[in-house]
Amino acid sequence: MNPAHSTGADGTTLYYGDLDAPHVLEVFVELRDRASHRMADNLLGTIRRAADDGKFVAKFHFAGTIDDTVGGSGSQRGLSALAAASDAGQRKFVDYLAALFASQPFPPVDDQFSDVSVLLSLADKVNGLRNAEFDMKVTDGTYLTWAGEVIGNFDSFGVVGTPVVRYDDEVIPVVKPEGGPALTPQEFLDRLRPSR
């Protein structure tokens, strides 16, 4: 069972925007990854607005490396909750993604995203997301198997580490090696080629 607004191989890619947009922005992140948090804090709002303007469709790919290396299931369970949010609408999905990253537990070994009550509490930050259907999908783990497939498919993109952003297959640097933002939101937009 795949969530709404999913595409790609076996429906393992969540997208935001119009699939017929002239360009594709691929965003590779992990919910428990601190660098992904910094990228989202800096650029996720800009990505949403640019997709709203029809500049590109944003396709999100999710890793689960920290689940494997540190232990726990927060990246997978958080992704399962994101899929439930995607069923409720694209805007709710991207707003919930922002809420999860904004409240990302630190250090990563603190696996709060594996706690359903935490995921539901953070959903309260997204206007209109919480309802009986959403809560049931998160509590019952409706999309846990799907989330595992998404994470398992991550390596097929040839991406090492997160976050990585690709615009029409061109990698745009979003974090510096020392961890800070590589681009301001305006510099990021300036890197996008005009629509043809």
C-alpha atoms as a PDB file:
ATOM      1  CA  MET A   1       0.000   0.000   0.000  1.00  0.00           C
ATOM      2  CA  ASN A   2       1.462   3.314  -1.096  1.00  0.00           C
ATOM      3  CA  PRO A   3       0.561   6.750   0.237  1.00  0.00           C
ATOM      4  CA  ALA A   4      -0.912   9.547  -1.841  1.00  0.00           C
ATOM      5  CA  HIS A   5       1.532  11.761  -3.731  1.00  0.00           C
ATOM      6  CA  SER A   6       4.053   8.974  -4.211  1.00  0.00           C
ATOM      7  CA  THR A   7       5.828   8.120  -7.439  1.00  0.00           C
ATOM      8  CA  GLY A   8       8.929   6.396  -8.764  1.00  0.00           C
ATOM      9  CA  ALA A   9      10.036   2.804  -8.389  1.00  0.00           C
ATOM     10  CA  ASP A  10       7.305   0.965  -6.445  1.00  0.00           C
ATOM     11  CA  GLY A  11       5.904   4.303  -5.305  1.00  0.00           C
ATOM     12  CA  THR A  12       8.788   4.897  -2.906  1.00  0.00           C
ATOM     13  CA  THR A  13       9.252   8.616  -3.630  1.00  0.00           C
ATOM     14  CA  LEU A  14       7.075  11.273  -1.993  1.00  0.00           C
ATOM     15  CA  TYR A  15       6.682  14.398  -4.056  1.00  0.00           C
ATOM     16  CA  TYR A  16       5.561  17.968  -3.579  1.00  0.00           C
ATOM     17  CA  GLY A  17       4.319  20.024  -6.502  1.00  0.00           C
ATOM     18  CA  ASP A  18       3.223  19.165 -10.025  1.00  0.00           C
ATOM     19  CA  LEU A  19       4.814  16.104 -11.624  1.00  0.00           C
ATOM     20  CA  ASP A  20       4.509  17.899 -14.970  1.00  0.00           C
ATOM     21  CA  ALA A  21       6.702  20.799 -13.795  1.00  0.00           C
ATOM     22  CA  PRO A  22       9.587  21.636 -16.163  1.00  0.00           C
ATOM     23  CA  HIS A  23      12.306  20.620 -13.703  1.00  0.00           C
ATOM     24  CA  VAL A  24      12.894  18.090 -10.939  1.00  0.00           C
ATOM     25  CA  LEU A  25      14.497  18.826  -7.586  1.00  0.00           C
ATOM     26  CA  GLU A  26      15.495  15.671  -5.738  1.00  0.00           C
ATOM     27  CA  VAL A  27      16.007  15.972  -1.997  1.00  0.00           C
ATOM     28  CA  PHE A  28      17.833  13.179  -0.147  1.00  0.00           C
ATOM     29  CA  VAL A  29      17.471  13.380   3.639  1.00  0.00           C
ATOM     30  CA  GLU A  30      17.172  11.360   6.828  1.00  0.00           C
ATOM     31  CA  LEU A  31      14.852  12.368   9.634  1.00  0.00           C
ATOM     32  CA  ARG A  32      17.392  11.639  12.400  1.00  0.00           C
ATOM     33  CA  ASP A  33      20.348  13.184  10.561  1.00  0.00           C
ATOM     34  CA  ARG A  34      21.570  16.497  12.008  1.00  0.00           C
ATOM     35  CA  ALA A  35      22.886  17.812   8.683  1.00  0.00           C
ATOM     36  CA  SER A  36      19.512  17.112   7.073  1.00  0.00           C
ATOM     37  CA  HIS A  37      17.933  19.112   9.888  1.00  0.00           C
ATOM     38  CA  ARG A  38      20.178  22.088   9.134  1.00  0.00           C
ATOM     39  CA  MET A  39      19.388  21.915   5.426  1.00  0.00           C
ATOM     40  CA  ALA A  40      15.656  21.748   6.100  1.00  0.00           C
ATOM     41  CA  ASP A  41      15.823  24.635   8.544  1.00  0.00           C
ATOM     42  CA  ASN A  42      17.588  26.744   5.928  1.00  0.00           C
ATOM     43  CA  LEU A  43      15.925  25.729   2.665  1.00  0.00           C
ATOM     44  CA  LEU A  44      12.735  23.676   3.073  1.00  0.00           C
ATOM     45  CA  GLY A  45      10.468  26.732   3.073  1.00  0.00           C
ATOM     46  CA  THR A  46      12.212  28.050  -0.028  1.00  0.00           C
ATOM     47  CA  ILE A  47      11.826  24.672  -1.751  1.00  0.00           C
ATOM     48  CA  ARG A  48       8.115  24.615  -0.930  1.00  0.00           C
ATOM     49  CA  ARG A  49       7.507  28.111  -2.266  1.00  0.00           C
ATOM     50  CA  ALA A  50       9.482  27.460  -5.475  1.00  0.00           C
ATOM     51  CA  ALA A  51       7.484  24.276  -6.078  1.00  0.00           C
ATOM     52  CA  ASP A  52       4.277  26.228  -5.416  1.00  0.00           C
ATOM     53  CA  ASP A  53       5.419  28.657  -8.129  1.00  0.00           C
ATOM     54  CA  GLY A  54       5.821  25.765 -10.571  1.00  0.00           C
ATOM     55  CA  LYS A  55       9.599  26.040 -10.903  1.00  0.00           C
ATOM     56  CA  PHE A  56      10.030  22.311 -10.238  1.00  0.00           C
ATOM     57  CA  VAL A  57       8.505  19.279  -8.602  1.00  0.00           C
ATOM     58  CA  ALA A  58      10.326  18.311  -5.408  1.00  0.00           C
ATOM     59  CA  LYS A  59      10.901  14.577  -4.985  1.00  0.00           C
ATOM     60  CA  PHE A  60      11.924  13.419  -1.521  1.00  0.00           C
ATOM     61  CA  HIS A  61      14.046  10.331  -0.882  1.00  0.00           C
ATOM     62  CA  PHE A  62      14.589   9.142   2.676  1.00  0.00           C
ATOM     63  CA  ALA A  63      17.487   7.232   4.210  1.00  0.00           C
ATOM     64  CA  GLY A  64      17.518   5.171   7.387  1.00  0.00           C
ATOM     65  CA  THR A  65      21.245   4.923   8.012  1.00  0.00           C
ATOM     66  CA  ILE A  66      21.052   6.116  11.611  1.00  0.00           C
ATOM     67  CA  ASP A  67      18.452   3.465  12.405  1.00  0.00           C
ATOM     68  CA  ASP A  68      21.012   0.907  11.226  1.00  0.00           C
ATOM     69  CA  THR A  69      24.166   2.394  12.747  1.00  0.00           C
ATOM     70  CA  VAL A  70      22.961   3.903  16.022  1.00  0.00           C
ATOM     71  CA  GLY A  71      19.946   1.690  16.529  1.00  0.00           C
ATOM     72  CA  GLY A  72      16.248   2.336  16.825  1.00  0.00           C
ATOM     73  CA  SER A  73      13.510   2.905  14.298  1.00  0.00           C
ATOM     74  CA  GLY A  74      12.863   6.658  14.344  1.00  0.00           C
ATOM     75  CA  SER A  75      13.785   7.343  10.723  1.00  0.00           C
ATOM     76  CA  GLN A  76      11.496   4.573   9.500  1.00  0.00           C
ATOM     77  CA  ARG A  77       8.621   5.261  11.891  1.00  0.00           C
ATOM     78  CA  GLY A  78       8.834   9.009  11.283  1.00  0.00           C
ATOM     79  CA  LEU A  79       8.700   8.367   7.534  1.00  0.00           C
ATOM     80  CA  SER A  80       5.656   6.163   8.046  1.00  0.00           C
ATOM     81  CA  ALA A  81       3.948   9.098   9.781  1.00  0.00           C
ATOM     82  CA  LEU A  82       5.002  11.413   6.935  1.00  0.00           C
ATOM     83  CA  ALA A  83       3.290   9.065   4.487  1.00  0.00           C
ATOM     84  CA  ALA A  84       0.090   9.370   6.502  1.00  0.00           C
ATOM     85  CA  ALA A  85       0.454  13.148   6.298  1.00  0.00           C
ATOM     86  CA  SER A  86       0.878  12.898   2.508  1.00  0.00           C
ATOM     87  CA  ASP A  87      -2.493  11.147   2.375  1.00  0.00           C
ATOM     88  CA  ALA A  88      -3.938  14.269   3.999  1.00  0.00           C
ATOM     89  CA  GLY A  89      -2.429  16.552   1.343  1.00  0.00           C
ATOM     90  CA  GLN A  90       0.859  17.780  -0.116  1.00  0.00           C
ATOM     91  CA  ARG A  91       0.984  20.909   2.021  1.00  0.00           C
ATOM     92  CA  LYS A  92       0.358  18.918   5.171  1.00  0.00           C
ATOM     93  CA  PHE A  93       3.163  16.536   4.206  1.00  0.00           C
ATOM     94  CA  VAL A  94       5.756  19.270   3.704  1.00  0.00           C
ATOM     95  CA  ASP A  95       4.613  21.200   6.783  1.00  0.00           C
ATOM     96  CA  TYR A  96       4.841  18.034   8.882  1.00  0.00           C
ATOM     97  CA  LEU A  97       8.292  17.327   7.454  1.00  0.00           C
ATOM     98  CA  ALA A  98       9.327  20.809   8.575  1.00  0.00           C
ATOM     99  CA  ALA A  99       7.829  20.206  12.013  1.00  0.00           C
ATOM    100  CA  LEU A 100       9.705  16.929  12.431  1.00  0.00           C
ATOM    101  CA  PHE A 101      13.025  18.461  11.468  1.00  0.00           C
ATOM    102  CA  ALA A 102      12.406  21.514  13.675  1.00  0.00           C
ATOM    103  CA  SER A 103      11.869  19.197  16.664  1.00  0.00           C
ATOM    104  CA  GLN A 104      14.514  16.621  15.729  1.00  0.00           C
ATOM    105  CA  PRO A 105      15.850  14.911  18.869  1.00  0.00           C
ATOM    106  CA  PHE A 106      19.517  15.472  19.613  1.00  0.00           C
ATOM    107  CA  PRO A 107      21.813  13.612  19.864  1.00  0.00           C
ATOM    108  CA  PRO A 108      20.659  11.104  17.215  1.00  0.00           C
ATOM    109  CA  VAL A 109      20.871   8.262  19.721  1.00  0.00           C
ATOM    110  CA  ASP A 110      17.813   9.862  21.355  1.00  0.00           C
ATOM    111  CA  ASP A 111      15.288   8.004  19.219  1.00  0.00           C
ATOM    112  CA  GLN A 112      12.126   9.942  20.070  1.00  0.00           C
ATOM    113  CA  PHE A 113      10.710   9.566  16.568  1.00  0.00           C
ATOM    114  CA  SER A 114      10.183   5.875  17.308  1.00  0.00           C
ATOM    115  CA  ASP A 115       7.569   6.965  19.884  1.00  0.00           C
ATOM    116  CA  VAL A 116       4.121   7.254  18.301  1.00  0.00           C
ATOM    117  CA  SER A 117       2.988   9.725  20.952  1.00  0.00           C
ATOM    118  CA  VAL A 118       5.828  12.081  19.972  1.00  0.00           C
ATOM    119  CA  LEU A 119       4.927  11.859  16.278  1.00  0.00           C
ATOM    120  CA  LEU A 120       1.279  12.598  17.040  1.00  0.00           C
ATOM    121  CA  SER A 121       2.198  15.497  19.306  1.00  0.00           C
ATOM    122  CA  LEU A 122       4.327  17.067  16.570  1.00  0.00           C
ATOM    123  CA  ALA A 123       1.459  16.649  14.111  1.00  0.00           C
ATOM    124  CA  ASP A 124      -0.459  19.120  16.259  1.00  0.00           C
ATOM    125  CA  LYS A 125       1.875  21.798  14.856  1.00  0.00           C
ATOM    126  CA  VAL A 126       0.328  21.318  11.389  1.00  0.00           C
ATOM    127  CA  ASN A 127      -3.061  22.936  11.057  1.00  0.00           C
ATOM    128  CA  GLY A 128      -5.737  20.359  10.282  1.00  0.00           C
ATOM    129  CA  LEU A 129      -3.487  17.307  10.165  1.00  0.00           C
ATOM    130  CA  ARG A 130      -4.669  15.524  13.293  1.00  0.00           C
ATOM    131  CA  ASN A 131      -7.824  13.490  12.864  1.00  0.00           C
ATOM    132  CA  ALA A 132      -8.931   9.943  13.586  1.00  0.00           C
ATOM    133  CA  GLU A 133      -7.711   8.606  10.229  1.00  0.00           C
ATOM    134  CA  PHE A 134      -4.247  10.148  10.497  1.00  0.00           C
ATOM    135  CA  ASP A 135      -3.861   9.076  14.120  1.00  0.00           C
ATOM    136  CA  MET A 136      -4.882   5.516  13.282  1.00  0.00           C
ATOM    137  CA  LYS A 137      -2.382   5.271  10.419  1.00  0.00           C
ATOM    138  CA  VAL A 138       0.447   6.515  12.634  1.00  0.00           C
ATOM    139  CA  THR A 139      -0.523   4.388  15.635  1.00  0.00           C
ATOM    140  CA  ASP A 140      -1.089   1.221  13.601  1.00  0.00           C
ATOM    141  CA  GLY A 141       2.024   1.727  11.475  1.00  0.00           C
ATOM    142  CA  THR A 142       0.022   1.570   8.240  1.00  0.00           C
ATOM    143  CA  TYR A 143       3.024   2.655   6.180  1.00  0.00           C
ATOM    144  CA  LEU A 144       5.845   1.027   8.146  1.00  0.00           C
ATOM    145  CA  THR A 145       6.431  -1.632   5.482  1.00  0.00           C
ATOM    146  CA  TRP A 146       6.357   1.022   2.757  1.00  0.00           C
ATOM    147  CA  ALA A 147       8.808   3.161   4.738  1.00  0.00           C
ATOM    148  CA  GLY A 148      11.148   0.194   4.982  1.00  0.00           C
ATOM    149  CA  GLU A 149      10.998  -0.173   1.200  1.00  0.00           C
ATOM    150  CA  VAL A 150      11.780   3.531   0.743  1.00  0.00           C
ATOM    151  CA  ILE A 151      14.812   3.253   2.996  1.00  0.00           C
ATOM    152  CA  GLY A 152      15.904   0.044   1.302  1.00  0.00           C
ATOM    153  CA  ASN A 153      15.675   1.746  -2.095  1.00  0.00           C
ATOM    154  CA  PHE A 154      17.839   4.717  -1.060  1.00  0.00           C
ATOM    155  CA  ASP A 155      21.151   3.158  -2.133  1.00  0.00           C
ATOM    156  CA  SER A 156      19.875   2.721  -5.693  1.00  0.00           C
ATOM    157  CA  PHE A 157      20.265   6.481  -6.272  1.00  0.00           C
ATOM    158  CA  GLY A 158      24.026   6.342  -5.796  1.00  0.00           C
ATOM    159  CA  VAL A 159      23.930   9.018  -3.118  1.00  0.00           C
ATOM    160  CA  VAL A 160      26.410   8.822  -0.259  1.00  0.00           C
ATOM    161  CA  GLY A 161      25.283  10.530   2.908  1.00  0.00           C
ATOM    162  CA  THR A 162      22.602  13.105   3.543  1.00  0.00           C
ATOM    163  CA  PRO A 163      21.534  15.719   2.773  1.00  0.00           C
ATOM    164  CA  VAL A 164      22.011  15.859  -0.982  1.00  0.00           C
ATOM    165  CA  VAL A 165      20.008  18.022  -3.380  1.00  0.00           C
ATOM    166  CA  ARG A 166      19.977  17.451  -7.138  1.00  0.00           C
ATOM    167  CA  TYR A 167      18.391  19.783  -9.683  1.00  0.00           C
ATOM    168  CA  ASP A 168      17.906  18.024 -13.018  1.00  0.00           C
ATOM    169  CA  ASP A 169      20.756  15.674 -12.005  1.00  0.00           C
ATOM    170  CA  GLU A 170      23.094  18.549 -11.053  1.00  0.00           C
ATOM    171  CA  VAL A 171      24.147  18.414  -7.404  1.00  0.00           C
ATOM    172  CA  ILE A 172      23.633  21.704  -5.574  1.00  0.00           C
ATOM    173  CA  PRO A 173      25.731  21.957  -2.381  1.00  0.00           C
ATOM    174  CA  VAL A 174      23.477  22.667   0.585  1.00  0.00           C
ATOM    175  CA  VAL A 175      25.756  22.078   3.582  1.00  0.00           C
ATOM    176  CA  LYS A 176      29.426  22.786   4.145  1.00  0.00           C
ATOM    177  CA  PRO A 177      31.755  19.997   5.275  1.00  0.00           C
ATOM    178  CA  GLU A 178      31.877  21.612   8.722  1.00  0.00           C
ATOM    179  CA  GLY A 179      28.089  21.460   8.856  1.00  0.00           C
ATOM    180  CA  GLY A 180      26.782  24.973   8.206  1.00  0.00           C
ATOM    181  CA  PRO A 181      24.589  26.066   5.281  1.00  0.00           C
ATOM    182  CA  ALA A 182      26.468  26.230   1.984  1.00  0.00           C
ATOM    183  CA  LEU A 183      23.986  28.616   0.381  1.00  0.00           C
ATOM    184  CA  THR A 184      21.522  31.237   1.495  1.00  0.00           C
ATOM    185  CA  PRO A 185      17.957  30.700   0.251  1.00  0.00           C
ATOM    186  CA  GLN A 186      18.483  33.353  -2.441  1.00  0.00           C
ATOM    187  CA  GLU A 187      21.781  31.811  -3.552  1.00  0.00           C
ATOM    188  CA  PHE A 188      20.003  28.476  -3.763  1.00  0.00           C
ATOM    189  CA  LEU A 189      17.315  29.948  -6.008  1.00  0.00           C
ATOM    190  CA  ASP A 190      19.992  31.607  -8.138  1.00  0.00           C
ATOM    191  CA  ARG A 191      21.501  28.176  -8.821  1.00  0.00           C
ATOM    192  CA  LEU A 192      18.306  26.974 -10.465  1.00  0.00           C
ATOM    193  CA  ARG A 193      18.340  27.408 -14.208  1.00  0.00           C
ATOM    194  CA  PRO A 194      15.433  29.417 -15.639  1.00  0.00           C
ATOM    195  CA  SER A 195      12.575  27.284 -16.875  1.00  0.00           C
ATOM    196  CA  ARG A 196      12.907  26.421 -20.511  1.00  0.00           C
END
